[in-house]
Amino acid sequence: MSWESMLPMGVISAMIFVMANSQDVINKLTTGKPKHPRNDAWDRAMDERDARIKQEAHQV
């Protein structure tokens, strides 16, 4: 890699870093908590299962 390309690559890397962090900060400000990574159908099913188990434990 040529030395002339190091500065533009640094600027591009910094802008990607700024975009990702700004999305994180905006999400924390709007929801009040960090975003849960990989919240897919499996995670939602496990959350429902956990809630059901907790509810059954409190009833016993």
Protein backbone atom coordinates (compact mmCIF):
# COMPACT_ATOMS: atom_id res chain seq x y z
CA MET A 1 0.00 0.00 0.00
CA SER A 2 1.32 3.38 -0.96
CA TRP A 3 1.86 6.03 1.74
CA GLU A 4 -0.37 8.46 -0.15
CA SER A 5 -3.38 6.23 0.43
CA MET A 6 -2.93 6.11 4.22
CA LEU A 7 -4.54 9.51 4.88
CA PRO A 8 -7.73 8.84 2.87
CA MET A 9 -8.05 5.39 4.45
CA GLY A 10 -7.70 6.99 7.88
CA VAL A 11 -10.40 9.53 7.07
CA ILE A 12 -12.75 6.82 5.77
CA SER A 13 -12.12 4.66 8.84
CA ALA A 14 -12.75 7.60 11.15
CA MET A 15 -16.04 8.45 9.40
CA ILE A 16 -17.24 4.85 9.71
CA PHE A 17 -16.35 4.98 13.42
CA VAL A 18 -18.23 8.29 13.84
CA MET A 19 -21.33 6.96 12.04
CA ALA A 20 -21.49 3.81 14.15
CA ASN A 21 -20.99 5.66 17.43
CA SER A 22 -23.54 8.33 16.54
CA GLN A 23 -26.15 5.62 15.83
CA ASP A 24 -25.36 4.05 19.21
CA VAL A 25 -25.65 7.37 21.06
CA ILE A 26 -28.93 8.27 19.33
CA ASN A 27 -30.37 4.84 20.15
CA LYS A 28 -29.35 5.17 23.83
CA LEU A 29 -30.85 8.67 24.03
CA THR A 30 -34.16 7.64 22.49
CA THR A 31 -34.66 4.32 24.29
CA GLY A 32 -32.65 4.88 27.46
CA LYS A 33 -30.80 1.60 27.14
CA PRO A 34 -28.24 0.01 24.82
CA LYS A 35 -29.49 -1.90 21.81
CA HIS A 36 -29.65 -5.65 22.22
CA PRO A 37 -27.55 -7.24 19.48
CA ARG A 38 -29.03 -10.01 17.33
CA ASN A 39 -32.61 -9.72 18.53
CA ASP A 40 -34.15 -12.23 16.14
CA ALA A 41 -37.02 -14.74 16.37
CA TRP A 42 -34.96 -17.10 18.55
CA ASP A 43 -34.19 -14.34 21.06
CA ARG A 44 -37.85 -13.28 21.20
CA ALA A 45 -38.93 -16.90 21.74
CA MET A 46 -36.40 -17.27 24.57
CA ASP A 47 -37.60 -13.99 26.15
CA GLU A 48 -41.20 -15.28 26.07
CA ARG A 49 -40.07 -18.61 27.55
CA ASP A 50 -38.15 -16.85 30.32
CA ALA A 51 -41.14 -14.66 31.16
CA ARG A 52 -43.41 -17.71 31.26
CA ILE A 53 -40.99 -19.60 33.54
CA LYS A 54 -40.72 -16.60 35.90
CA GLN A 55 -44.51 -16.27 36.00
CA GLU A 56 -44.93 -19.98 36.76
CA ALA A 57 -42.28 -19.76 39.50
CA HIS A 58 -44.12 -16.89 41.19
CA GLN A 59 -47.43 -18.78 41.09
CA VAL A 60 -46.01 -21.83 42.88
